[in-house]
Protein backbone atom coordinates (compact mmCIF):
# COMPACT_ATOMS: atom_id res chain seq x y z
CA UNK A 1 10.80 -5.06 -1.50
CA UNK A 2 12.03 -5.24 -5.02
CA UNK A 3 15.82 -6.35 -4.60
CA UNK A 4 18.25 -6.62 -7.55
CA UNK A 5 21.31 -8.90 -5.85
CA UNK A 6 24.81 -8.22 -6.89
CA UNK A 7 24.89 -11.61 -9.08
CA UNK A 8 21.71 -9.88 -10.87
CA UNK A 9 23.46 -6.70 -11.78
CA UNK A 10 26.82 -7.82 -12.59
CA UNK A 11 28.94 -6.91 -9.75
CA UNK A 12 32.43 -7.53 -9.99
CA UNK A 13 33.76 -9.72 -6.82
CA UNK A 14 35.05 -7.68 -4.18
CA UNK A 15 38.78 -7.49 -4.13
CA UNK A 16 38.91 -8.12 -0.63
CA UNK A 17 36.75 -9.43 1.74
CA UNK A 18 33.83 -7.37 3.39
CA UNK A 19 34.21 -5.55 6.72
CA UNK A 20 30.99 -6.77 9.28
CA UNK A 21 29.27 -4.24 10.95
CA UNK A 22 26.83 -5.84 12.99
CA UNK A 23 24.94 -2.63 14.26
CA UNK A 24 25.34 0.45 13.28
CA UNK A 25 23.50 3.24 14.66
CA UNK A 26 21.44 3.66 11.62
CA UNK A 27 21.59 5.17 7.57
CA UNK A 28 23.19 7.77 6.31
CA UNK A 29 21.44 8.76 2.96
CA UNK A 30 23.24 9.37 -0.37
CA UNK A 31 22.99 11.00 -4.15
CA UNK A 32 25.85 10.53 -6.93
CA UNK A 33 26.81 13.97 -6.86
CA UNK A 34 26.49 14.92 -10.36
CA UNK A 35 24.48 15.32 -13.62
CA UNK A 36 21.89 12.76 -14.16
CA UNK A 37 19.95 12.34 -16.78
CA UNK A 38 17.18 9.52 -15.41
CA UNK A 39 17.31 6.07 -17.17
CA UNK A 40 14.86 3.16 -18.26
CA UNK A 41 14.63 0.48 -15.65
CA UNK A 42 16.32 -1.75 -18.00
CA UNK A 43 19.06 0.40 -17.88
CA UNK A 44 19.98 0.81 -13.97
CA UNK A 45 22.19 -2.40 -13.63
CA UNK A 46 23.97 -0.97 -16.06
CA UNK A 47 24.70 2.49 -14.00
CA UNK A 48 25.01 0.44 -10.65
CA UNK A 49 27.95 -1.44 -12.29
CA UNK A 50 29.42 1.79 -13.74
CA UNK A 51 28.97 3.39 -10.36
CA UNK A 52 30.98 0.40 -9.04
CA UNK A 53 33.79 0.53 -11.59
CA UNK A 54 34.25 4.33 -10.73
CA UNK A 55 34.89 3.64 -7.02
CA UNK A 56 37.44 0.60 -7.89
CA UNK A 57 39.16 2.89 -10.48
CA UNK A 58 39.13 5.38 -8.35
CA UNK A 59 42.93 5.50 -7.30
CA UNK A 60 42.94 8.29 -4.48
CA UNK A 61 40.25 6.76 -1.90
CA UNK A 62 41.34 2.95 -3.09
CA UNK A 63 37.96 1.17 -2.75
CA UNK A 64 38.23 -2.81 -2.97
CA UNK A 65 34.56 -2.57 -3.99
CA UNK A 66 31.13 -0.45 -4.67
CA UNK A 67 31.26 2.37 -1.54
CA UNK A 68 27.76 1.82 -0.43
CA UNK A 69 25.80 -1.01 1.14
CA UNK A 70 22.47 -0.35 -1.07
CA UNK A 71 21.03 1.55 -4.23
CA UNK A 72 18.10 2.56 -5.31
CA UNK A 73 17.07 3.37 -8.74
CA UNK A 74 13.76 5.79 -10.07
CA UNK A 75 11.76 2.55 -10.09
CA UNK A 76 11.31 1.61 -6.76
CA UNK A 77 14.11 -1.43 -6.86
CA UNK A 78 16.77 -2.08 -4.17
CA UNK A 79 20.79 -2.93 -5.55
CA UNK A 80 22.90 -5.23 -3.46
CA UNK A 81 26.17 -3.04 -3.14
CA UNK A 82 28.25 -4.40 -0.29
CA UNK A 83 24.98 -5.28 1.68
CA UNK A 84 23.73 -5.30 4.88
CA UNK A 85 25.65 -6.68 8.03
CA UNK A 86 29.49 -5.11 6.11
CA UNK A 87 31.24 -1.52 7.14
CA UNK A 88 30.24 0.80 4.01
CA UNK A 89 33.60 3.30 2.29
CA UNK A 90 31.26 6.37 1.45
CA UNK A 91 30.55 8.61 4.69
CA UNK A 92 33.94 10.38 4.66
CA UNK A 93 35.99 8.63 7.10
CA UNK A 94 36.56 5.80 9.36
CA UNK A 95 34.12 6.23 12.50
CA UNK A 96 31.96 7.91 9.79
CA UNK A 97 31.57 4.68 7.92
CA UNK A 98 30.94 2.44 12.01
CA UNK A 99 28.29 4.22 12.64
CA UNK A 100 25.95 4.24 9.18
CA UNK A 101 25.49 1.96 6.76
CA UNK A 102 24.94 3.91 3.09
CA UNK A 103 22.35 3.99 0.86
CA UNK A 104 22.66 5.18 -2.53
CA UNK A 105 20.24 6.61 -4.47
CA UNK A 106 19.63 7.49 -8.23
CA UNK A 107 19.34 11.32 -7.92
CA UNK A 108 22.42 13.90 -9.01
CA UNK A 109 22.40 16.97 -8.44
CA UNK A 110 21.63 18.46 -11.68
CA UNK A 111 18.89 17.04 -14.02
CA UNK A 112 16.71 14.01 -11.88
CA UNK A 113 16.96 15.84 -8.49
CA UNK A 114 13.45 15.32 -7.55
CA UNK A 115 12.90 11.24 -6.19
CA UNK A 116 9.83 9.50 -7.99
CA UNK A 117 6.98 8.21 -5.35
CA UNK A 118 8.48 4.59 -6.20
CA UNK A 119 12.32 5.66 -5.40
CA UNK A 120 10.74 6.73 -1.81
CA UNK A 121 8.90 3.84 -1.29
CA UNK A 122 12.18 2.13 -1.87
CA UNK A 123 14.32 3.73 0.11
CA UNK A 124 12.39 2.89 2.79
CA UNK A 125 12.52 -0.69 1.59
CA UNK A 126 16.44 -0.51 1.92
CA UNK A 127 15.91 1.02 5.40
CA UNK A 128 13.56 -1.41 7.07
CA UNK A 129 16.12 -4.11 5.01
CA UNK A 130 18.89 -2.99 6.87
CA UNK A 131 17.13 -2.32 9.79
CA UNK A 132 16.18 -6.17 9.95
CA UNK A 133 19.81 -6.95 9.76
CA UNK A 134 20.94 -5.09 12.54
CA UNK A 135 21.30 -1.43 11.50
CA UNK A 136 19.54 1.28 14.54
CA UNK A 137 17.23 3.72 13.76
CA UNK A 138 19.06 6.45 12.93
CA UNK A 139 18.59 8.11 9.41
CA UNK A 140 20.58 10.99 8.15
CA UNK A 141 21.78 12.66 5.11
CA UNK A 142 26.12 12.30 4.57
CA UNK A 143 26.05 15.95 4.97
CA UNK A 144 25.74 14.88 8.23
CA UNK A 145 29.70 15.07 10.16
CA UNK A 146 30.97 15.35 6.80
CA UNK A 147 31.59 18.48 4.62
CA UNK A 148 29.18 18.16 1.33
CA UNK A 149 26.22 18.70 -0.29
CA UNK A 150 25.12 15.22 -0.39
CA UNK A 151 22.55 13.90 -0.65
CA UNK A 152 20.59 17.47 -2.41
CA UNK A 153 18.26 19.51 -0.35
CA UNK A 154 15.76 17.64 -1.63
CA UNK A 155 16.36 14.31 -0.58
CA UNK A 156 17.62 15.98 2.91
CA UNK A 157 14.34 17.38 3.55
CA UNK A 158 12.64 14.15 3.20
CA UNK A 159 15.48 13.01 5.49
CA UNK A 160 14.48 15.58 8.17
CA UNK A 161 11.06 15.53 7.91
CA UNK A 162 10.73 11.63 8.95
CA UNK A 163 9.10 10.80 4.95
CA UNK A 164 11.89 8.41 4.68
CA UNK A 165 11.35 5.96 8.07
CA UNK A 166 9.37 3.23 6.83
CA UNK A 167 8.00 2.83 9.99
CA UNK A 168 6.34 -0.32 12.40
CA UNK A 169 7.65 -3.80 10.57
CA UNK A 170 5.60 -6.86 10.49
CA UNK A 171 6.40 -10.47 10.08
CA UNK A 172 4.01 -10.14 7.19
CA UNK A 173 1.86 -13.56 7.05
CA UNK A 174 -1.90 -14.00 6.31
CA UNK A 175 -4.89 -11.74 6.24
CA UNK A 176 -8.79 -12.62 6.30
CA UNK A 177 -10.22 -9.95 4.45
CA UNK A 178 -13.70 -8.61 6.01
CA UNK A 179 -16.47 -6.99 4.77
CA UNK A 180 -16.45 -3.69 2.68
CA UNK A 181 -12.54 -3.92 3.44
CA UNK A 182 -10.03 -2.41 0.75
CA UNK A 183 -6.57 -2.57 0.03
CA UNK A 184 -5.90 0.59 0.46
CA UNK A 185 -6.67 -0.25 4.42
CA UNK A 186 -4.76 -3.71 4.81
CA UNK A 187 -2.13 -1.87 3.07
CA UNK A 188 -1.85 0.78 6.40
CA UNK A 189 -2.96 -2.05 8.85
CA UNK A 190 0.41 -3.51 8.18
CA UNK A 191 2.43 -0.64 6.85
CA UNK A 192 3.22 -2.56 3.74
CA UNK A 193 2.95 -1.37 -0.34
CA UNK A 194 -0.36 -2.12 -1.63
CA UNK A 195 1.67 -3.08 -4.96
CA UNK A 196 3.73 -5.53 -3.22
CA UNK A 197 0.23 -7.27 -1.45
CA UNK A 198 -1.08 -7.07 -4.88
CA UNK A 199 2.25 -9.02 -6.37
CA UNK A 200 2.73 -11.94 -3.92
CA UNK A 201 -1.21 -12.08 -4.26
CA UNK A 202 -1.42 -12.33 -8.41
CA UNK A 203 -4.38 -10.08 -7.88
CA UNK A 204 -5.88 -8.73 -11.50
CA UNK A 205 -7.37 -5.16 -11.31
CA UNK A 206 -9.72 -3.96 -10.54
CA UNK A 207 -8.96 -5.90 -7.53
CA UNK A 208 -11.70 -6.49 -5.69
CA UNK A 209 -11.66 -8.09 -2.96
CA UNK A 210 -13.81 -10.88 -1.59
CA UNK A 211 -15.17 -11.36 2.49
CA UNK A 212 -13.44 -14.03 3.98
CA UNK A 213 -10.61 -14.11 1.27
CA UNK A 214 -7.34 -14.74 2.11
CA UNK A 215 -4.09 -12.67 1.48
CA UNK A 216 -0.77 -13.27 2.16
CA UNK A 217 0.64 -10.30 3.58
CA UNK A 218 4.14 -9.52 3.08
CA UNK A 219 7.12 -8.19 5.98
CA UNK A 220 8.41 -5.32 4.80
CA UNK A 221 12.01 -4.60 4.06
CA UNK A 222 12.15 -9.04 2.87
CA UNK A 223 12.66 -9.65 -0.90
CA UNK A 224 9.56 -10.84 -1.98
CA UNK A 225 9.81 -14.68 -1.73
CA UNK A 226 12.55 -14.73 0.67
CA UNK A 227 11.68 -15.02 4.78
CA UNK A 228 12.38 -12.60 7.61
CA UNK A 229 15.46 -13.01 9.38
CA UNK A 230 15.95 -15.22 11.85
CA UNK A 231 12.62 -17.50 10.66
CA UNK A 232 10.06 -14.53 11.50
CA UNK A 233 9.51 -15.68 14.84
CA UNK A 234 10.91 -12.55 16.38
CA UNK A 235 11.98 -10.23 13.45
CA UNK A 236 9.59 -7.96 13.78
CA UNK A 237 6.80 -6.24 16.30
CA UNK A 238 3.56 -7.76 16.30
CA UNK A 239 0.37 -5.24 15.15
CA UNK A 240 -0.34 -2.75 18.07
CA UNK A 241 -2.50 -4.96 20.39
CA UNK A 242 -5.72 -5.32 20.57
CA UNK A 243 -8.04 -2.75 22.71
CA UNK A 244 -5.60 0.25 21.44
CA UNK A 245 -6.50 3.11 19.15
CA UNK A 246 -4.26 3.05 16.03
CA UNK A 247 -2.63 6.15 15.00
CA UNK A 248 -5.27 7.88 12.78
CA UNK A 249 -2.24 10.39 10.80
CA UNK A 250 -0.98 13.69 11.54
CA UNK A 251 -3.03 15.03 9.04
CA UNK A 252 -5.68 13.69 10.70
CA UNK A 253 -5.40 15.96 13.65
CA UNK A 254 -4.41 19.35 11.58
CA UNK A 255 -7.79 18.78 10.54
CA UNK A 256 -9.07 19.50 13.73
CA UNK A 257 -11.46 16.43 14.17
CA UNK A 258 -14.26 16.55 16.10
CA UNK A 259 -14.17 12.22 17.43
CA UNK A 260 -14.61 10.37 20.78
CA UNK A 261 -10.74 9.53 19.46
CA UNK A 262 -10.12 13.00 20.80
CA UNK A 263 -11.27 12.50 24.43
CA UNK A 264 -9.90 9.62 24.84
CA UNK A 265 -6.51 10.96 24.33
CA UNK A 266 -6.86 13.66 26.62
CA UNK A 267 -8.34 11.19 29.32
CA UNK A 268 -4.64 9.54 28.75
CA UNK A 269 -2.93 12.94 28.28
CA UNK A 270 -4.82 13.78 31.68
CA UNK A 271 -4.20 9.94 33.41
CA UNK A 272 -0.08 10.89 32.99
CA UNK A 273 -0.25 14.39 34.26
CA UNK A 274 0.11 16.29 30.75
CA UNK A 275 -3.63 17.68 30.73
CA UNK A 276 -3.67 21.56 30.50
CA UNK A 277 -7.57 21.64 30.48
CA UNK A 278 -9.63 23.68 32.42
CA UNK A 279 -13.03 21.88 30.73
CA UNK A 280 -12.94 18.51 29.76
CA UNK A 281 -11.42 17.44 27.69
CA UNK A 282 -14.03 16.69 25.10
CA UNK A 283 -14.40 15.51 21.53
CA UNK A 284 -13.15 18.74 19.66
CA UNK A 285 -9.63 18.77 18.83
CA UNK A 286 -8.31 21.93 20.23
CA UNK A 287 -5.37 24.29 21.17
CA UNK A 288 -5.92 22.90 24.23
CA UNK A 289 -5.76 19.09 23.44
CA UNK A 290 -2.36 20.07 21.51
CA UNK A 291 -0.96 22.27 24.54
CA UNK A 292 -1.71 18.97 26.21
CA UNK A 293 0.24 16.83 23.55
CA UNK A 294 3.32 19.14 23.75
CA UNK A 295 3.53 18.20 27.32
CA UNK A 296 3.51 14.31 26.67
CA UNK A 297 6.34 14.99 23.87
CA UNK A 298 8.29 16.52 26.52
CA UNK A 299 7.68 14.22 28.97
CA UNK A 300 9.16 11.85 26.42
CA UNK A 301 12.08 14.07 25.88
CA UNK A 302 11.20 15.53 22.46
CA UNK A 303 12.46 19.51 22.34
CA UNK A 304 11.74 22.09 19.82
CA UNK A 305 9.47 20.73 16.66
CA UNK A 306 9.57 17.41 18.05
CA UNK A 307 7.07 18.75 20.78
CA UNK A 308 5.12 20.78 18.69
CA UNK A 309 1.99 19.21 19.88
CA UNK A 310 1.11 17.39 16.72
CA UNK A 311 0.85 14.08 17.13
CA UNK A 312 3.48 11.24 15.58
CA UNK A 313 3.43 7.67 15.06
CA UNK A 314 5.94 7.04 18.19
CA UNK A 315 4.35 8.80 20.86
CA UNK A 316 0.54 8.30 20.05
CA UNK A 317 1.74 4.29 19.93
CA UNK A 318 3.33 5.06 23.47
CA UNK A 319 0.17 6.72 24.90
CA UNK A 320 -1.71 3.56 24.28
CA UNK A 321 -4.84 5.50 23.97
CA UNK A 322 -7.66 2.76 24.60
CA UNK A 323 -10.28 2.06 22.15
CA UNK A 324 -13.36 0.75 24.65
CA UNK A 325 -16.48 2.50 23.74
CA UNK A 326 -15.36 4.24 20.77
CA UNK A 327 -17.12 4.83 17.35
CA UNK A 328 -15.27 5.71 14.89
CA UNK A 329 -17.14 9.01 13.41
CA UNK A 330 -18.28 8.37 9.91
CA UNK A 331 -16.94 10.72 7.14
CA UNK A 332 -18.83 11.35 4.11
CA UNK A 333 -16.52 10.63 0.82
CA UNK A 334 -16.88 12.32 -2.47
CA UNK A 335 -18.39 10.59 -5.30
CA UNK A 336 -15.89 10.41 -8.68
CA UNK A 337 -17.20 12.94 -10.42
CA UNK A 338 -16.39 11.24 -13.80
CA UNK A 339 -12.69 11.15 -15.71
CA UNK A 340 -14.72 13.65 -18.66
CA UNK A 341 -15.20 16.05 -15.87
CA UNK A 342 -11.38 16.24 -15.14
CA UNK A 343 -10.27 16.74 -18.75
CA UNK A 344 -12.25 20.10 -18.43
CA UNK A 345 -9.70 21.90 -16.42
CA UNK A 346 -12.88 22.29 -13.28
CA UNK A 347 -12.49 25.20 -10.54
CA UNK A 348 -14.11 23.30 -7.55
CA UNK A 349 -13.46 23.29 -3.98
CA UNK A 350 -13.40 19.13 -4.41
CA UNK A 351 -10.15 20.08 -6.28
CA UNK A 352 -8.64 21.85 -2.78
CA UNK A 353 -9.56 18.65 -1.33
CA UNK A 354 -8.06 16.26 -3.75
CA UNK A 355 -5.14 18.30 -3.06
CA UNK A 356 -4.97 18.35 0.51
CA UNK A 357 -5.44 13.99 -0.04
CA UNK A 358 -2.71 13.80 -2.31
CA UNK A 359 -0.65 16.23 0.01
CA UNK A 360 -1.44 14.00 2.88
CA UNK A 361 -0.65 10.34 1.22
CA UNK A 362 2.82 12.21 0.23
CA UNK A 363 1.86 12.66 -3.20
CA UNK A 364 1.82 16.24 -3.38
CA UNK A 365 3.97 17.95 -6.10
CA UNK A 366 2.81 21.73 -5.34
CA UNK A 367 4.55 24.60 -4.81
CA UNK A 368 1.89 26.85 -3.34
CA UNK A 369 -1.57 25.14 -2.65
CA UNK A 370 -3.54 23.23 -3.68
CA UNK A 371 -6.27 25.44 -5.01
CA UNK A 372 -9.52 24.93 -6.77
CA UNK A 373 -8.39 25.26 -10.10
CA UNK A 374 -7.19 21.96 -11.76
CA UNK A 375 -3.49 22.37 -13.11
CA UNK A 376 -0.36 20.20 -14.44
CA UNK A 377 0.37 20.18 -10.31
CA UNK A 378 -2.76 18.41 -9.58
CA UNK A 379 -1.92 15.30 -12.59
CA UNK A 380 1.65 15.09 -11.45
CA UNK A 381 0.66 14.92 -7.95
CA UNK A 382 -2.45 12.41 -9.02
CA UNK A 383 0.14 10.65 -11.13
CA UNK A 384 2.18 9.82 -7.61
CA UNK A 385 -0.72 8.86 -5.90
CA UNK A 386 -1.48 6.02 -8.88
CA UNK A 387 2.51 4.99 -8.82
CA UNK A 388 2.16 4.67 -5.43
CA UNK A 389 -0.98 1.76 -5.65
CA UNK A 390 0.96 -0.20 -8.41
CA UNK A 391 0.10 1.78 -11.51
CA UNK A 392 2.61 1.63 -14.43
CA UNK A 393 2.07 3.67 -17.78
CA UNK A 394 -0.94 4.75 -19.29
CA UNK A 395 -2.71 3.37 -15.79
CA UNK A 396 -0.76 6.20 -14.38
CA UNK A 397 -0.69 8.93 -16.08
CA UNK A 398 -2.56 11.75 -14.16
CA UNK A 399 -5.88 11.96 -14.94
CA UNK A 400 -8.16 10.00 -11.61
CA UNK A 401 -10.32 6.89 -12.63
CA UNK A 402 -13.15 5.64 -10.49
CA UNK A 403 -10.78 2.84 -8.62
CA UNK A 404 -7.73 5.14 -7.29
CA UNK A 405 -10.04 8.22 -6.64
CA UNK A 406 -11.76 6.30 -4.09
CA UNK A 407 -9.03 4.82 -2.77
CA UNK A 408 -7.72 8.40 -1.99
CA UNK A 409 -10.75 9.33 -0.19
CA UNK A 410 -11.27 12.23 -0.58
CA UNK A 411 -13.68 14.35 1.78
CA UNK A 412 -17.60 15.51 0.52
CA UNK A 413 -17.41 18.91 -0.30
CA UNK A 414 -20.34 19.19 -2.32
CA UNK A 415 -23.72 21.00 -0.49
CA UNK A 416 -25.05 19.16 2.88
CA UNK A 417 -28.44 19.32 3.07
CA UNK A 418 -29.00 21.20 6.70
CA UNK A 419 -31.52 20.41 9.53
CA UNK A 420 -34.84 21.84 9.31
CA UNK A 421 -35.81 23.95 12.31
CA UNK A 422 -37.88 21.99 14.46
CA UNK A 423 -39.80 24.82 16.35
CA UNK A 424 -39.90 26.22 19.52
CA UNK A 425 -42.47 24.76 21.22
CA UNK A 426 -39.88 21.04 20.18
CA UNK A 427 -37.22 21.93 22.12
CA UNK A 428 -39.48 22.97 25.31
CA UNK A 429 -40.30 18.86 25.50
CA UNK A 430 -36.95 17.79 26.24
CA UNK A 431 -36.56 16.06 23.74
CA UNK A 432 -34.08 12.95 22.91
CA UNK A 433 -33.54 12.60 19.31
CA UNK A 434 -30.03 12.41 17.00
CA UNK A 435 -31.03 16.51 16.06
CA UNK A 436 -29.96 17.34 19.84
CA UNK A 437 -26.18 15.06 19.22
CA UNK A 438 -25.36 17.21 15.98
CA UNK A 439 -26.48 20.01 17.20
CA UNK A 440 -24.15 19.70 20.51
CA UNK A 441 -21.35 19.11 17.55
CA UNK A 442 -22.01 21.72 15.61
CA UNK A 443 -21.95 24.00 19.31
CA UNK A 444 -18.86 22.44 19.87
CA UNK A 445 -17.08 22.92 16.77
CA UNK A 446 -18.53 27.16 16.75
CA UNK A 447 -16.06 26.96 20.28
CA UNK A 448 -19.37 27.20 22.05
CA UNK A 449 -19.45 23.66 23.91
CA UNK A 450 -20.01 23.64 28.00
CA UNK A 451 -20.09 19.77 27.57
CA UNK A 452 -18.47 18.16 30.11
CA UNK A 453 -18.62 14.37 28.88
CA UNK A 454 -19.15 15.49 25.51
CA UNK A 455 -23.12 16.55 23.55
CA UNK A 456 -25.68 13.26 23.79
CA UNK A 457 -29.27 13.01 22.17
CA UNK A 458 -31.39 14.49 25.25
CA UNK A 459 -31.85 18.16 25.48
CA UNK A 460 -30.28 19.24 28.70
CA UNK A 461 -29.01 22.46 30.14
CA UNK A 462 -25.61 22.05 28.89
CA UNK A 463 -27.37 22.12 25.60
CA UNK A 464 -28.99 25.37 26.66
CA UNK A 465 -26.08 26.93 27.61
CA UNK A 466 -24.29 25.97 24.65
CA UNK A 467 -26.69 27.64 22.37
CA UNK A 468 -26.79 30.58 24.22
CA UNK A 469 -23.07 31.02 23.59
CA UNK A 470 -23.67 30.36 20.50
CA UNK A 471 -26.71 33.04 20.57
CA UNK A 472 -23.82 35.57 21.95
CA UNK A 473 -21.55 35.13 19.50
CA UNK A 474 -24.07 35.99 16.87
CA UNK A 475 -24.77 39.34 18.76
CA UNK A 476 -27.76 38.27 20.89
CA UNK A 477 -28.08 39.87 24.04
CA UNK A 478 -30.49 39.86 26.82
CA UNK A 479 -33.70 37.59 26.38
CA UNK A 480 -33.00 37.01 22.51
CA UNK A 481 -29.92 34.89 23.92
CA UNK A 482 -31.46 32.84 26.26
CA UNK A 483 -30.09 29.48 24.99
CA UNK A 484 -33.69 28.47 23.39
CA UNK A 485 -33.19 27.77 19.77
CA UNK A 486 -35.13 30.02 17.53
CA UNK A 487 -34.89 29.42 13.33
CA UNK A 488 -32.76 32.70 12.65
CA UNK A 489 -29.99 31.44 14.47
CA UNK A 490 -30.69 27.36 14.13
CA UNK A 491 -30.31 28.63 10.37
CA UNK A 492 -26.91 29.81 10.98
CA UNK A 493 -25.63 27.13 12.90
CA UNK A 494 -26.24 24.55 9.78
CA UNK A 495 -26.77 21.41 11.67
CA UNK A 496 -26.58 18.10 9.24
CA UNK A 497 -29.80 16.43 8.23
CA UNK A 498 -30.31 13.48 10.67
CA UNK A 499 -33.78 12.70 9.71
CA UNK A 500 -33.87 10.25 7.39
CA UNK A 501 -34.11 10.01 3.70
CA UNK A 502 -36.51 8.16 2.07
CA UNK A 503 -35.23 4.87 -0.04
CA UNK A 504 -36.76 3.33 -3.24
CA UNK A 505 -38.50 0.10 -2.43
CA UNK A 506 -37.60 -2.88 -3.62
CA UNK A 507 -39.54 -2.94 -6.91
CA UNK A 508 -38.84 -7.01 -7.59
CA UNK A 509 -36.81 -9.53 -9.03
CA UNK A 510 -39.33 -9.77 -12.10
CA UNK A 511 -38.99 -6.25 -12.66
CA UNK A 512 -35.48 -5.53 -13.57
CA UNK A 513 -35.89 -8.64 -15.90
CA UNK A 514 -38.35 -6.66 -18.27
CA UNK A 515 -34.86 -4.68 -19.23
CA UNK A 516 -36.83 -1.28 -17.27
CA UNK A 517 -36.43 1.97 -18.41
CA UNK A 518 -36.41 3.85 -15.41
CA UNK A 519 -35.01 6.87 -13.43
CA UNK A 520 -34.76 3.98 -10.33
CA UNK A 521 -32.19 2.24 -12.41
CA UNK A 522 -30.29 6.19 -13.05
CA UNK A 523 -30.72 6.62 -8.98
CA UNK A 524 -29.20 2.67 -8.39
CA UNK A 525 -26.35 3.08 -10.68
CA UNK A 526 -25.08 6.33 -8.81
CA UNK A 527 -25.40 4.60 -5.30
CA UNK A 528 -23.06 1.53 -7.55
CA UNK A 529 -20.53 4.29 -8.04
CA UNK A 530 -20.70 6.12 -4.90
CA UNK A 531 -19.85 2.31 -3.58
CA UNK A 532 -17.15 1.95 -5.78
CA UNK A 533 -18.74 -1.20 -7.45
CA UNK A 534 -19.20 1.10 -11.04
CA UNK A 535 -18.80 -0.85 -14.04
CA UNK A 536 -20.03 1.74 -16.22
CA UNK A 537 -17.98 3.55 -19.67
CA UNK A 538 -20.16 6.42 -19.07
CA UNK A 539 -22.73 7.44 -16.41
CA UNK A 540 -25.39 5.72 -15.58
CA UNK A 541 -28.70 5.95 -17.08
CA UNK A 542 -32.20 4.87 -17.09
CA UNK A 543 -31.85 1.90 -19.17
CA UNK A 544 -31.11 -1.11 -17.67
CA UNK A 545 -28.32 -2.43 -19.10
CA UNK A 546 -25.29 -4.99 -18.68
CA UNK A 547 -23.39 -2.79 -17.69
CA UNK A 548 -25.80 -1.92 -14.71
CA UNK A 549 -25.72 -6.25 -14.00
CA UNK A 550 -22.09 -5.79 -13.40
CA UNK A 551 -22.17 -3.33 -11.29
CA UNK A 552 -24.51 -4.75 -9.51
CA UNK A 553 -22.61 -8.13 -9.66
CA UNK A 554 -19.60 -5.98 -7.85
CA UNK A 555 -21.82 -4.79 -5.14
CA UNK A 556 -23.23 -8.51 -4.63
CA UNK A 557 -19.70 -9.36 -4.07
CA UNK A 558 -18.41 -6.77 -2.25
CA UNK A 559 -20.98 -7.92 0.35
CA UNK A 560 -19.69 -11.06 0.63
CA UNK A 561 -21.69 -13.24 -1.95
CA UNK A 562 -20.53 -15.91 -4.55
CA UNK A 563 -21.54 -18.24 -7.27
CA UNK A 564 -25.58 -18.16 -8.25
CA UNK A 565 -26.02 -15.27 -5.12
CA UNK A 566 -23.88 -12.63 -7.03
CA UNK A 567 -25.03 -13.16 -10.39
CA UNK A 568 -26.11 -9.44 -11.09
CA UNK A 569 -29.90 -9.52 -10.68
CA UNK A 570 -31.07 -7.40 -7.60
CA UNK A 571 -32.83 -8.81 -4.63
CA UNK A 572 -34.65 -7.46 -1.91
CA UNK A 573 -31.87 -7.92 0.71
CA UNK A 574 -29.19 -6.36 -1.20
CA UNK A 575 -31.04 -3.73 -2.76
CA UNK A 576 -32.12 -2.50 0.85
CA UNK A 577 -28.55 -2.43 1.94
CA UNK A 578 -27.72 -0.55 -1.36
CA UNK A 579 -30.09 2.39 0.06
CA UNK A 580 -31.24 3.47 -3.62
CA UNK A 581 -32.79 7.31 -2.75
CA UNK A 582 -36.04 7.59 -3.69
CA UNK A 583 -37.06 8.49 -6.68
């Protein structure tokens, strides 16, 4: 966390000794309660001094110090007030001040009323800091227990929906970079903002990681450069034990996923006596899974909207879904359309999916939507995303760039190639093929699956009966709904292509040294961009250039190569791994 001590912001000495409060129930969130114009960060220390001065001059309340334990500015810095472990004077009464410590947010009831993403991160940091120093897990607003509008409707909504909860607190340490691992993934694994990992490791943009690289991971809720309270041996929770599935996120479930994780989840719910299944459970998320999860939440004591059937991190971790045999289903992400494309104010389903991802990351500023038309709300939401990743100034102007786009991971919405109809005789041979698995998944997604163990590559009677339900769903009856696929119903099912795409063979190392001009170079460049390795000012073209060499060098480094093995000149091994489509 970015921590500003009393000495650093120029606090006046307290007129009395602080009153120790070792174990409050949690935290109450406050705002300034008046017009707030916003400030440049170099002015924030002065504003903290202004708040303290107002309190010390308040004869009616007779404060002996600033009333709050901590303050958080718009830029995400946490200012030390009375500090952790001490009783506040901000909550409205002696017992209220004994129950909770107080965090002030630099927001007003007019003027600047909306927190920035950096400020939300700072509030989470402040709460984590207080928890590490004895505070309980409750997060409340000032209005909870005292008649006031504080902390304002916007901030109070964040209090209620859990946005301000910092989550699991790990004690930091080191992390060894794995193949294809990104800063975003490391940030999520240890629940530490990406910008903090960048800061403590002094990483330089574009933050390309090297396989085997050792990164220092700071502890959340600990001032940068300081140790975890108690020495760090047992101050926080360890990462989830090996063998269990990490929480995929509530939004993942709301996207109605098809995944073996859903099957494993259902089996655990059944084992806990919470299953409402008549068949299954299976890999497709359904209303039955949600109803079963509601029973699990209720078994844990939750009620009302806290038992709505959508998994949350706390109840998920308590369920302990085993990851044995689970292979993550790969997701195809939308390639970066180019910076210029966004400047044309596009109308595209890509914008909808981008907006959904921004909302899922807590960066959305939409009042409606998101929709397909690029708007100022999209730009402001994307700016929040850039700031969440640690960018500032012109690097956080809201216009997407390749690096932040690939970190966002927008699901692909551009046309998908579908599997051509294999012919009626092919199904009669009882084939074993990934085409059958893909077909079964589509049948499940259409509500037609009758599988007990999930679709697999071997054609079975369950496949035929499931396909029969699909034919009946389309309105067919009698012999036209016998479960054997025909071309018309197959084309309507839209089974994603499984047969291999032809790839470009390696042209030879000497060929690249001739500075070739070829569509092969264009196709290679597009693949490098898709892998997040593009170093192009404009779109890749057919002429081999230094930009191609530097981009290919990024690809080699992504694969873990260093030194002369990562000189940017293609070799057969790295070329085959790049999988350039045949041109």
